[in-house]
Amino acid sequence: MRFNTMFFLLILSCLCLALAQTTYEDCCFKYVKTMKQRTQKHAVEYRMQVVDGGCNIPAVIFTMKRGRELCTDPKETWVRKLMKNIDDKRAKNDGKKPRKHQRPYRS
């Protein structure tokens, strides 16, 4: 009797752990409305989020120098300008060795 109870509890706990280990997508659920000019200077890269699966809004996700990510509305004018600035910086720095105090861009 005790063996059956222990076996049942073991199977139940394994089932609960298996169901609890779901993967969550890295999605934005709301936008940053504005970003100060000083903050914009710290943006080093961006990526696009499309409406797919668990991600329910389109977004541009900017990665800052220290790894912080900010979600923005791709329809905003300032967002498109910042994306262009980052692309221009990358094109300018291609082929050049980054300075010691400057962190290299991640691709």
PDB file of N, CA and C in Angstrom:
ATOM      1  N   MET A   1       0.820  -1.190   0.000  1.00  0.00           N
ATOM      2  CA  MET A   1       0.000   0.000   0.000  1.00  0.00           C
ATOM      3  C   MET A   1       0.870   1.262   0.000  1.00  0.00           C
ATOM      4  N   ARG A   2       1.903   1.297   0.857  1.00  0.00           N
ATOM      5  CA  ARG A   2       2.779   2.463   0.919  1.00  0.00           C
ATOM      6  C   ARG A   2       3.552   2.637  -0.377  1.00  0.00           C
ATOM      7  N   PHE A   3       3.957   1.517  -0.983  1.00  0.00           N
ATOM      8  CA  PHE A   3       4.685   1.578  -2.234  1.00  0.00           C
ATOM      9  C   PHE A   3       3.827   2.206  -3.325  1.00  0.00           C
ATOM     10  N   ASN A   4       2.569   1.833  -3.397  1.00  0.00           N
ATOM     11  CA  ASN A   4       1.662   2.395  -4.404  1.00  0.00           C
ATOM     12  C   ASN A   4       1.479   3.895  -4.198  1.00  0.00           C
ATOM     13  N   THR A   5       1.356   4.319  -2.964  1.00  0.00           N
ATOM     14  CA  THR A   5       1.177   5.737  -2.664  1.00  0.00           C
ATOM     15  C   THR A   5       2.436   6.527  -3.031  1.00  0.00           C
ATOM     16  N   MET A   6       3.586   5.986  -2.667  1.00  0.00           N
ATOM     17  CA  MET A   6       4.847   6.645  -2.988  1.00  0.00           C
ATOM     18  C   MET A   6       5.051   6.711  -4.505  1.00  0.00           C
ATOM     19  N   PHE A   7       4.733   5.642  -5.203  1.00  0.00           N
ATOM     20  CA  PHE A   7       4.868   5.615  -6.650  1.00  0.00           C
ATOM     21  C   PHE A   7       3.937   6.642  -7.295  1.00  0.00           C
ATOM     22  N   PHE A   8       2.715   6.729  -6.811  1.00  0.00           N
ATOM     23  CA  PHE A   8       1.749   7.694  -7.326  1.00  0.00           C
ATOM     24  C   PHE A   8       2.241   9.128  -7.100  1.00  0.00           C
ATOM     25  N   LEU A   9       2.765   9.432  -5.922  1.00  0.00           N
ATOM     26  CA  LEU A   9       3.276  10.769  -5.630  1.00  0.00           C
ATOM     27  C   LEU A   9       4.499  11.112  -6.490  1.00  0.00           C
ATOM     28  N   LEU A  10       5.332  10.124  -6.722  1.00  0.00           N
ATOM     29  CA  LEU A  10       6.499  10.335  -7.562  1.00  0.00           C
ATOM     30  C   LEU A  10       6.083  10.666  -8.996  1.00  0.00           C
ATOM     31  N   ILE A  11       5.175   9.908  -9.545  1.00  0.00           N
ATOM     32  CA  ILE A  11       4.679  10.159 -10.903  1.00  0.00           C
ATOM     33  C   ILE A  11       3.987  11.509 -10.978  1.00  0.00           C
ATOM     34  N   LEU A  12       3.199  11.857  -9.983  1.00  0.00           N
ATOM     35  CA  LEU A  12       2.496  13.127  -9.951  1.00  0.00           C
ATOM     36  C   LEU A  12       3.471  14.308  -9.892  1.00  0.00           C
ATOM     37  N   SER A  13       4.512  14.198  -9.085  1.00  0.00           N
ATOM     38  CA  SER A  13       5.493  15.283  -8.991  1.00  0.00           C
ATOM     39  C   SER A  13       6.277  15.431 -10.295  1.00  0.00           C
ATOM     40  N   CYS A  14       6.612  14.334 -10.951  1.00  0.00           N
ATOM     41  CA  CYS A  14       7.304  14.412 -12.238  1.00  0.00           C
ATOM     42  C   CYS A  14       6.422  15.062 -13.295  1.00  0.00           C
ATOM     43  N   LEU A  15       5.159  14.756 -13.276  1.00  0.00           N
ATOM     44  CA  LEU A  15       4.218  15.347 -14.215  1.00  0.00           C
ATOM     45  C   LEU A  15       4.086  16.845 -13.979  1.00  0.00           C
ATOM     46  N   CYS A  16       4.005  17.246 -12.720  1.00  0.00           N
ATOM     47  CA  CYS A  16       3.905  18.676 -12.399  1.00  0.00           C
ATOM     48  C   CYS A  16       5.149  19.431 -12.840  1.00  0.00           C
ATOM     49  N   LEU A  17       6.334  18.870 -12.632  1.00  0.00           N
ATOM     50  CA  LEU A  17       7.575  19.509 -13.054  1.00  0.00           C
ATOM     51  C   LEU A  17       7.661  19.616 -14.569  1.00  0.00           C
ATOM     52  N   ALA A  18       7.227  18.582 -15.261  1.00  0.00           N
ATOM     53  CA  ALA A  18       7.267  18.609 -16.726  1.00  0.00           C
ATOM     54  C   ALA A  18       6.331  19.677 -17.275  1.00  0.00           C
ATOM     55  N   LEU A  19       5.171  19.841 -16.682  1.00  0.00           N
ATOM     56  CA  LEU A  19       4.222  20.846 -17.146  1.00  0.00           C
ATOM     57  C   LEU A  19       4.664  22.255 -16.771  1.00  0.00           C
ATOM     58  N   ALA A  20       5.395  22.401 -15.693  1.00  0.00           N
ATOM     59  CA  ALA A  20       5.825  23.721 -15.237  1.00  0.00           C
ATOM     60  C   ALA A  20       6.995  24.261 -16.050  1.00  0.00           C
ATOM     61  N   GLN A  21       7.709  23.406 -16.768  1.00  0.00           N
ATOM     62  CA  GLN A  21       8.880  23.846 -17.518  1.00  0.00           C
ATOM     63  C   GLN A  21       8.500  24.241 -18.939  1.00  0.00           C
ATOM     64  N   THR A  22       7.653  25.220 -19.065  1.00  0.00           N
ATOM     65  CA  THR A  22       7.304  25.748 -20.377  1.00  0.00           C
ATOM     66  C   THR A  22       8.222  26.908 -20.691  1.00  0.00           C
ATOM     67  N   THR A  23       8.457  27.136 -21.949  1.00  0.00           N
ATOM     68  CA  THR A  23       9.304  28.247 -22.347  1.00  0.00           C
ATOM     69  C   THR A  23       8.438  29.447 -22.689  1.00  0.00           C
ATOM     70  N   TYR A  24       8.851  30.589 -22.207  1.00  0.00           N
ATOM     71  CA  TYR A  24       8.161  31.820 -22.512  1.00  0.00           C
ATOM     72  C   TYR A  24       8.994  32.598 -23.516  1.00  0.00           C
ATOM     73  N   GLU A  25       8.332  33.138 -24.510  1.00  0.00           N
ATOM     74  CA  GLU A  25       9.043  33.918 -25.508  1.00  0.00           C
ATOM     75  C   GLU A  25       9.458  35.255 -24.911  1.00  0.00           C
ATOM     76  N   ASP A  26      10.507  35.810 -25.450  1.00  0.00           N
ATOM     77  CA  ASP A  26      11.003  37.104 -25.002  1.00  0.00           C
ATOM     78  C   ASP A  26      10.251  38.179 -25.781  1.00  0.00           C
ATOM     79  N   CYS A  27       9.087  38.567 -25.263  1.00  0.00           N
ATOM     80  CA  CYS A  27       8.194  39.479 -25.980  1.00  0.00           C
ATOM     81  C   CYS A  27       7.998  40.786 -25.230  1.00  0.00           C
ATOM     82  N   CYS A  28       7.678  41.821 -26.006  1.00  0.00           N
ATOM     83  CA  CYS A  28       7.273  43.107 -25.444  1.00  0.00           C
ATOM     84  C   CYS A  28       5.754  43.130 -25.349  1.00  0.00           C
ATOM     85  N   PHE A  29       5.255  43.662 -24.268  1.00  0.00           N
ATOM     86  CA  PHE A  29       3.810  43.773 -24.099  1.00  0.00           C
ATOM     87  C   PHE A  29       3.341  45.220 -24.034  1.00  0.00           C
ATOM     88  N   LYS A  30       4.296  46.158 -23.910  1.00  0.00           N
ATOM     89  CA  LYS A  30       3.959  47.578 -23.948  1.00  0.00           C
ATOM     90  C   LYS A  30       5.178  48.347 -24.435  1.00  0.00           C
ATOM     91  N   TYR A  31       4.939  49.585 -24.881  1.00  0.00           N
ATOM     92  CA  TYR A  31       5.978  50.410 -25.459  1.00  0.00           C
ATOM     93  C   TYR A  31       6.481  51.461 -24.479  1.00  0.00           C
ATOM     94  N   VAL A  32       7.739  51.857 -24.682  1.00  0.00           N
ATOM     95  CA  VAL A  32       8.271  53.063 -24.070  1.00  0.00           C
ATOM     96  C   VAL A  32       7.822  54.189 -24.986  1.00  0.00           C
ATOM     97  N   LYS A  33       7.145  55.190 -24.439  1.00  0.00           N
ATOM     98  CA  LYS A  33       6.576  56.264 -25.268  1.00  0.00           C
ATOM     99  C   LYS A  33       7.644  57.202 -25.810  1.00  0.00           C
ATOM    100  N   THR A  34       8.567  57.614 -24.956  1.00  0.00           N
ATOM    101  CA  THR A  34       9.625  58.526 -25.371  1.00  0.00           C
ATOM    102  C   THR A  34      10.955  58.063 -24.776  1.00  0.00           C
ATOM    103  N   MET A  35      12.022  58.546 -25.381  1.00  0.00           N
ATOM    104  CA  MET A  35      13.352  58.240 -24.875  1.00  0.00           C
ATOM    105  C   MET A  35      14.169  59.523 -24.995  1.00  0.00           C
ATOM    106  N   LYS A  36      14.749  59.960 -23.904  1.00  0.00           N
ATOM    107  CA  LYS A  36      15.539  61.191 -23.920  1.00  0.00           C
ATOM    108  C   LYS A  36      16.733  61.040 -24.858  1.00  0.00           C
ATOM    109  N   GLN A  37      17.205  62.165 -25.341  1.00  0.00           N
ATOM    110  CA  GLN A  37      18.336  62.182 -26.268  1.00  0.00           C
ATOM    111  C   GLN A  37      19.566  61.534 -25.637  1.00  0.00           C
ATOM    112  N   ARG A  38      19.798  61.787 -24.354  1.00  0.00           N
ATOM    113  CA  ARG A  38      20.939  61.173 -23.653  1.00  0.00           C
ATOM    114  C   ARG A  38      20.816  59.662 -23.624  1.00  0.00           C
ATOM    115  N   THR A  39      19.608  59.163 -23.441  1.00  0.00           N
ATOM    116  CA  THR A  39      19.380  57.716 -23.402  1.00  0.00           C
ATOM    117  C   THR A  39      19.552  57.112 -24.783  1.00  0.00           C
ATOM    118  N   GLN A  40      19.112  57.820 -25.810  1.00  0.00           N
ATOM    119  CA  GLN A  40      19.224  57.315 -27.173  1.00  0.00           C
ATOM    120  C   GLN A  40      20.677  57.091 -27.578  1.00  0.00           C
ATOM    121  N   LYS A  41      21.590  57.878 -27.028  1.00  0.00           N
ATOM    122  CA  LYS A  41      23.004  57.735 -27.356  1.00  0.00           C
ATOM    123  C   LYS A  41      23.575  56.405 -26.871  1.00  0.00           C
ATOM    124  N   HIS A  42      22.918  55.774 -25.907  1.00  0.00           N
ATOM    125  CA  HIS A  42      23.406  54.508 -25.353  1.00  0.00           C
ATOM    126  C   HIS A  42      22.887  53.286 -26.101  1.00  0.00           C
ATOM    127  N   ALA A  43      22.015  53.484 -27.081  1.00  0.00           N
ATOM    128  CA  ALA A  43      21.487  52.354 -27.857  1.00  0.00           C
ATOM    129  C   ALA A  43      22.561  51.861 -28.818  1.00  0.00           C
ATOM    130  N   VAL A  44      22.869  50.569 -28.767  1.00  0.00           N
ATOM    131  CA  VAL A  44      23.920  50.008 -29.615  1.00  0.00           C
ATOM    132  C   VAL A  44      23.385  49.071 -30.691  1.00  0.00           C
ATOM    133  N   GLU A  45      22.212  48.511 -30.487  1.00  0.00           N
ATOM    134  CA  GLU A  45      21.632  47.635 -31.498  1.00  0.00           C
ATOM    135  C   GLU A  45      20.129  47.568 -31.317  1.00  0.00           C
ATOM    136  N   TYR A  46      19.470  47.005 -32.308  1.00  0.00           N
ATOM    137  CA  TYR A  46      18.023  46.838 -32.229  1.00  0.00           C
ATOM    138  C   TYR A  46      17.618  45.568 -32.957  1.00  0.00           C
ATOM    139  N   ARG A  47      16.442  45.087 -32.626  1.00  0.00           N
ATOM    140  CA  ARG A  47      15.861  43.945 -33.340  1.00  0.00           C
ATOM    141  C   ARG A  47      14.368  44.170 -33.442  1.00  0.00           C
ATOM    142  N   MET A  48      13.769  43.532 -34.413  1.00  0.00           N
ATOM    143  CA  MET A  48      12.345  43.686 -34.652  1.00  0.00           C
ATOM    144  C   MET A  48      11.582  42.535 -33.987  1.00  0.00           C
ATOM    145  N   GLN A  49      10.439  42.861 -33.419  1.00  0.00           N
ATOM    146  CA  GLN A  49       9.519  41.847 -32.897  1.00  0.00           C
ATOM    147  C   GLN A  49       8.287  41.866 -33.796  1.00  0.00           C
ATOM    148  N   VAL A  50       7.948  40.702 -34.323  1.00  0.00           N
ATOM    149  CA  VAL A  50       6.769  40.605 -35.178  1.00  0.00           C
ATOM    150  C   VAL A  50       5.642  39.945 -34.396  1.00  0.00           C
ATOM    151  N   VAL A  51       4.423  40.180 -34.851  1.00  0.00           N
ATOM    152  CA  VAL A  51       3.263  39.577 -34.199  1.00  0.00           C
ATOM    153  C   VAL A  51       3.260  38.103 -34.579  1.00  0.00           C
ATOM    154  N   ASP A  52       3.597  37.247 -33.598  1.00  0.00           N
ATOM    155  CA  ASP A  52       3.712  35.826 -33.871  1.00  0.00           C
ATOM    156  C   ASP A  52       3.661  35.067 -32.546  1.00  0.00           C
ATOM    157  N   GLY A  53       2.914  34.022 -32.479  1.00  0.00           N
ATOM    158  CA  GLY A  53       2.854  33.203 -31.268  1.00  0.00           C
ATOM    159  C   GLY A  53       2.390  33.990 -30.065  1.00  0.00           C
ATOM    160  N   GLY A  54       3.235  34.089 -29.043  1.00  0.00           N
ATOM    161  CA  GLY A  54       2.887  34.795 -27.821  1.00  0.00           C
ATOM    162  C   GLY A  54       3.113  36.294 -27.891  1.00  0.00           C
ATOM    163  N   CYS A  55       3.798  36.761 -28.923  1.00  0.00           N
ATOM    164  CA  CYS A  55       4.067  38.195 -29.071  1.00  0.00           C
ATOM    165  C   CYS A  55       2.896  38.829 -29.815  1.00  0.00           C
ATOM    166  N   ASN A  56       2.161  39.688 -29.124  1.00  0.00           N
ATOM    167  CA  ASN A  56       0.925  40.197 -29.715  1.00  0.00           C
ATOM    168  C   ASN A  56       1.013  41.626 -30.232  1.00  0.00           C
ATOM    169  N   ILE A  57       2.176  42.290 -30.153  1.00  0.00           N
ATOM    170  CA  ILE A  57       2.324  43.632 -30.720  1.00  0.00           C
ATOM    171  C   ILE A  57       3.632  43.701 -31.502  1.00  0.00           C
ATOM    172  N   PRO A  58       3.644  44.451 -32.613  1.00  0.00           N
ATOM    173  CA  PRO A  58       4.922  44.669 -33.302  1.00  0.00           C
ATOM    174  C   PRO A  58       5.746  45.662 -32.495  1.00  0.00           C
ATOM    175  N   ALA A  59       7.054  45.463 -32.461  1.00  0.00           N
ATOM    176  CA  ALA A  59       7.905  46.359 -31.674  1.00  0.00           C
ATOM    177  C   ALA A  59       9.317  46.372 -32.227  1.00  0.00           C
ATOM    178  N   VAL A  60      10.029  47.440 -31.904  1.00  0.00           N
ATOM    179  CA  VAL A  60      11.465  47.528 -32.131  1.00  0.00           C
ATOM    180  C   VAL A  60      12.088  47.494 -30.741  1.00  0.00           C
ATOM    181  N   ILE A  61      12.973  46.541 -30.513  1.00  0.00           N
ATOM    182  CA  ILE A  61      13.592  46.369 -29.203  1.00  0.00           C
ATOM    183  C   ILE A  61      15.033  46.871 -29.290  1.00  0.00           C
ATOM    184  N   PHE A  62      15.309  47.960 -28.578  1.00  0.00           N
ATOM    185  CA  PHE A  62      16.647  48.537 -28.556  1.00  0.00           C
ATOM    186  C   PHE A  62      17.423  47.948 -27.391  1.00  0.00           C
ATOM    187  N   THR A  63      18.671  47.572 -27.658  1.00  0.00           N
ATOM    188  CA  THR A  63      19.569  47.090 -26.620  1.00  0.00           C
ATOM    189  C   THR A  63      20.546  48.208 -26.295  1.00  0.00           C
ATOM    190  N   MET A  64      20.637  48.531 -25.015  1.00  0.00           N
ATOM    191  CA  MET A  64      21.513  49.599 -24.565  1.00  0.00           C
ATOM    192  C   MET A  64      22.914  49.044 -24.283  1.00  0.00           C
ATOM    193  N   LYS A  65      23.875  49.921 -24.010  1.00  0.00           N
ATOM    194  CA  LYS A  65      25.269  49.505 -23.803  1.00  0.00           C
ATOM    195  C   LYS A  65      25.425  48.467 -22.702  1.00  0.00           C
ATOM    196  N   ARG A  66      24.679  48.593 -21.649  1.00  0.00           N
ATOM    197  CA  ARG A  66      24.817  47.665 -20.515  1.00  0.00           C
ATOM    198  C   ARG A  66      23.866  46.472 -20.591  1.00  0.00           C
ATOM    199  N   GLY A  67      23.183  46.303 -21.727  1.00  0.00           N
ATOM    200  CA  GLY A  67      22.352  45.126 -21.924  1.00  0.00           C
ATOM    201  C   GLY A  67      20.869  45.321 -21.668  1.00  0.00           C
ATOM    202  N   ARG A  68      20.480  46.468 -21.173  1.00  0.00           N
ATOM    203  CA  ARG A  68      19.062  46.727 -20.928  1.00  0.00           C
ATOM    204  C   ARG A  68      18.324  46.819 -22.256  1.00  0.00           C
ATOM    205  N   GLU A  69      17.112  46.298 -22.304  1.00  0.00           N
ATOM    206  CA  GLU A  69      16.317  46.328 -23.522  1.00  0.00           C
ATOM    207  C   GLU A  69      15.075  47.178 -23.324  1.00  0.00           C
ATOM    208  N   LEU A  70      14.777  48.019 -24.330  1.00  0.00           N
ATOM    209  CA  LEU A  70      13.612  48.883 -24.293  1.00  0.00           C
ATOM    210  C   LEU A  70      12.757  48.619 -25.525  1.00  0.00           C
ATOM    211  N   CYS A  71      11.467  48.450 -25.315  1.00  0.00           N
ATOM    212  CA  CYS A  71      10.527  48.165 -26.395  1.00  0.00           C
ATOM    213  C   CYS A  71       9.871  49.463 -26.859  1.00  0.00           C
ATOM    214  N   THR A  72       9.860  49.667 -28.171  1.00  0.00           N
ATOM    215  CA  THR A  72       9.314  50.900 -28.728  1.00  0.00           C
ATOM    216  C   THR A  72       8.363  50.593 -29.886  1.00  0.00           C
ATOM    217  N   ASP A  73       7.543  51.574 -30.209  1.00  0.00           N
ATOM    218  CA  ASP A  73       6.572  51.459 -31.287  1.00  0.00           C
ATOM    219  C   ASP A  73       7.269  51.721 -32.622  1.00  0.00           C
ATOM    220  N   PRO A  74       7.250  50.771 -33.551  1.00  0.00           N
ATOM    221  CA  PRO A  74       7.947  50.972 -34.825  1.00  0.00           C
ATOM    222  C   PRO A  74       7.324  52.061 -35.701  1.00  0.00           C
ATOM    223  N   LYS A  75       6.132  52.514 -35.380  1.00  0.00           N
ATOM    224  CA  LYS A  75       5.474  53.560 -36.169  1.00  0.00           C
ATOM    225  C   LYS A  75       5.941  54.958 -35.787  1.00  0.00           C
ATOM    226  N   GLU A  76       6.584  55.103 -34.630  1.00  0.00           N
ATOM    227  CA  GLU A  76       7.033  56.415 -34.161  1.00  0.00           C
ATOM    228  C   GLU A  76       8.208  56.921 -35.011  1.00  0.00           C
ATOM    229  N   THR A  77       8.216  58.219 -35.291  1.00  0.00           N
ATOM    230  CA  THR A  77       9.265  58.835 -36.103  1.00  0.00           C
ATOM    231  C   THR A  77      10.624  58.749 -35.412  1.00  0.00           C
ATOM    232  N   TRP A  78      10.660  59.024 -34.103  1.00  0.00           N
ATOM    233  CA  TRP A  78      11.936  59.015 -33.391  1.00  0.00           C
ATOM    234  C   TRP A  78      12.547  57.623 -33.354  1.00  0.00           C
ATOM    235  N   VAL A  79      11.712  56.587 -33.392  1.00  0.00           N
ATOM    236  CA  VAL A  79      12.212  55.209 -33.398  1.00  0.00           C
ATOM    237  C   VAL A  79      12.911  54.917 -34.726  1.00  0.00           C
ATOM    238  N   ARG A  80      12.291  55.324 -35.822  1.00  0.00           N
ATOM    239  CA  ARG A  80      12.895  55.109 -37.140  1.00  0.00           C
ATOM    240  C   ARG A  80      14.207  55.889 -37.281  1.00  0.00           C
ATOM    241  N   LYS A  81      14.260  57.105 -36.731  1.00  0.00           N
ATOM    242  CA  LYS A  81      15.492  57.894 -36.774  1.00  0.00           C
ATOM    243  C   LYS A  81      16.602  57.219 -35.975  1.00  0.00           C
ATOM    244  N   LEU A  82      16.251  56.696 -34.804  1.00  0.00           N
ATOM    245  CA  LEU A  82      17.250  56.018 -33.972  1.00  0.00           C
ATOM    246  C   LEU A  82      17.755  54.749 -34.657  1.00  0.00           C
ATOM    247  N   MET A  83      16.867  54.023 -35.318  1.00  0.00           N
ATOM    248  CA  MET A  83      17.291  52.837 -36.069  1.00  0.00           C
ATOM    249  C   MET A  83      18.277  53.233 -37.172  1.00  0.00           C
ATOM    250  N   LYS A  84      17.994  54.321 -37.863  1.00  0.00           N
ATOM    251  CA  LYS A  84      18.882  54.799 -38.926  1.00  0.00           C
ATOM    252  C   LYS A  84      20.229  55.221 -38.344  1.00  0.00           C
ATOM    253  N   ASN A  85      20.217  55.895 -37.194  1.00  0.00           N
ATOM    254  CA  ASN A  85      21.478  56.298 -36.555  1.00  0.00           C
ATOM    255  C   ASN A  85      22.336  55.091 -36.196  1.00  0.00           C
ATOM    256  N   ILE A  86      21.712  54.055 -35.679  1.00  0.00           N
ATOM    257  CA  ILE A  86      22.455  52.844 -35.314  1.00  0.00           C
ATOM    258  C   ILE A  86      23.019  52.180 -36.567  1.00  0.00           C
ATOM    259  N   ASP A  87      22.219  52.114 -37.627  1.00  0.00           N
ATOM    260  CA  ASP A  87      22.711  51.542 -38.884  1.00  0.00           C
ATOM    261  C   ASP A  87      23.885  52.351 -39.440  1.00  0.00           C
ATOM    262  N   ASP A  88      23.796  53.677 -39.348  1.00  0.00           N
ATOM    263  CA  ASP A  88      24.882  54.534 -39.821  1.00  0.00           C
ATOM    264  C   ASP A  88      26.147  54.325 -38.998  1.00  0.00           C
ATOM    265  N   LYS A  89      26.018  54.200 -37.685  1.00  0.00           N
ATOM    266  CA  LYS A  89      27.184  53.952 -36.823  1.00  0.00           C
ATOM    267  C   LYS A  89      27.846  52.632 -37.187  1.00  0.00           C
ATOM    268  N   ARG A  90      27.034  51.613 -37.436  1.00  0.00           N
ATOM    269  CA  ARG A  90      27.586  50.302 -37.803  1.00  0.00           C
ATOM    270  C   ARG A  90      28.330  50.379 -39.130  1.00  0.00           C
ATOM    271  N   ALA A  91      27.738  51.056 -40.110  1.00  0.00           N
ATOM    272  CA  ALA A  91      28.377  51.173 -41.419  1.00  0.00           C
ATOM    273  C   ALA A  91      29.688  51.947 -41.309  1.00  0.00           C
ATOM    274  N   LYS A  92      29.692  52.967 -40.467  1.00  0.00           N
ATOM    275  CA  LYS A  92      30.890  53.781 -40.276  1.00  0.00           C
ATOM    276  C   LYS A  92      31.997  52.982 -39.586  1.00  0.00           C
ATOM    277  N   ASN A  93      31.634  52.121 -38.638  1.00  0.00           N
ATOM    278  CA  ASN A  93      32.619  51.364 -37.863  1.00  0.00           C
ATOM    279  C   ASN A  93      33.013  50.041 -38.504  1.00  0.00           C
ATOM    280  N   ASP A  94      32.357  49.637 -39.586  1.00  0.00           N
ATOM    281  CA  ASP A  94      32.740  48.386 -40.256  1.00  0.00           C
ATOM    282  C   ASP A  94      34.164  48.504 -40.775  1.00  0.00           C
ATOM    283  N   GLY A  95      34.960  47.529 -40.459  1.00  0.00           N
ATOM    284  CA  GLY A  95      36.340  47.531 -40.913  1.00  0.00           C
ATOM    285  C   GLY A  95      37.289  48.270 -40.006  1.00  0.00           C
ATOM    286  N   LYS A  96      36.766  49.030 -39.076  1.00  0.00           N
ATOM    287  CA  LYS A  96      37.628  49.750 -38.141  1.00  0.00           C
ATOM    288  C   LYS A  96      37.713  48.975 -36.836  1.00  0.00           C
ATOM    289  N   LYS A  97      38.871  49.056 -36.212  1.00  0.00           N
ATOM    290  CA  LYS A  97      39.028  48.444 -34.902  1.00  0.00           C
ATOM    291  C   LYS A  97      38.413  49.370 -33.858  1.00  0.00           C
ATOM    292  N   PRO A  98      37.527  48.859 -32.985  1.00  0.00           N
ATOM    293  CA  PRO A  98      36.922  49.733 -31.974  1.00  0.00           C
ATOM    294  C   PRO A  98      37.968  50.284 -31.013  1.00  0.00           C
ATOM    295  N   ARG A  99      37.753  51.519 -30.577  1.00  0.00           N
ATOM    296  CA  ARG A  99      38.649  52.117 -29.592  1.00  0.00           C
ATOM    297  C   ARG A  99      38.527  51.376 -28.269  1.00  0.00           C
ATOM    298  N   LYS A 100      39.539  51.521 -27.423  1.00  0.00           N
ATOM    299  CA  LYS A 100      39.566  50.779 -26.170  1.00  0.00           C
ATOM    300  C   LYS A 100      38.376  51.094 -25.277  1.00  0.00           C
ATOM    301  N   HIS A 101      37.959  52.345 -25.216  1.00  0.00           N
ATOM    302  CA  HIS A 101      36.865  52.716 -24.326  1.00  0.00           C
ATOM    303  C   HIS A 101      35.499  52.467 -24.956  1.00  0.00           C
ATOM    304  N   GLN A 102      35.490  52.037 -26.196  1.00  0.00           N
ATOM    305  CA  GLN A 102      34.225  51.800 -26.887  1.00  0.00           C
ATOM    306  C   GLN A 102      33.963  50.306 -26.960  1.00  0.00           C
ATOM    307  N   ARG A 103      32.753  49.904 -26.574  1.00  0.00           N
ATOM    308  CA  ARG A 103      32.398  48.493 -26.655  1.00  0.00           C
ATOM    309  C   ARG A 103      32.024  48.160 -28.092  1.00  0.00           C
ATOM    310  N   PRO A 104      32.461  47.005 -28.602  1.00  0.00           N
ATOM    311  CA  PRO A 104      32.115  46.639 -29.974  1.00  0.00           C
ATOM    312  C   PRO A 104      30.630  46.314 -30.088  1.00  0.00           C
ATOM    313  N   TYR A 105      30.076  46.523 -31.253  1.00  0.00           N
ATOM    314  CA  TYR A 105      28.664  46.214 -31.487  1.00  0.00           C
ATOM    315  C   TYR A 105      28.492  44.720 -31.643  1.00  0.00           C
ATOM    316  N   ARG A 106      27.419  44.214 -31.062  1.00  0.00           N
ATOM    317  CA  ARG A 106      27.094  42.790 -31.220  1.00  0.00           C
ATOM    318  C   ARG A 106      26.267  42.622 -32.477  1.00  0.00           C
ATOM    319  N   SER A 107      26.561  41.589 -33.213  1.00  0.00           N
ATOM    320  CA  SER A 107      25.781  41.339 -34.429  1.00  0.00           C
ATOM    321  C   SER A 107      24.896  40.138 -34.256  1.00  0.00           C
TER     322      SER A 107
END
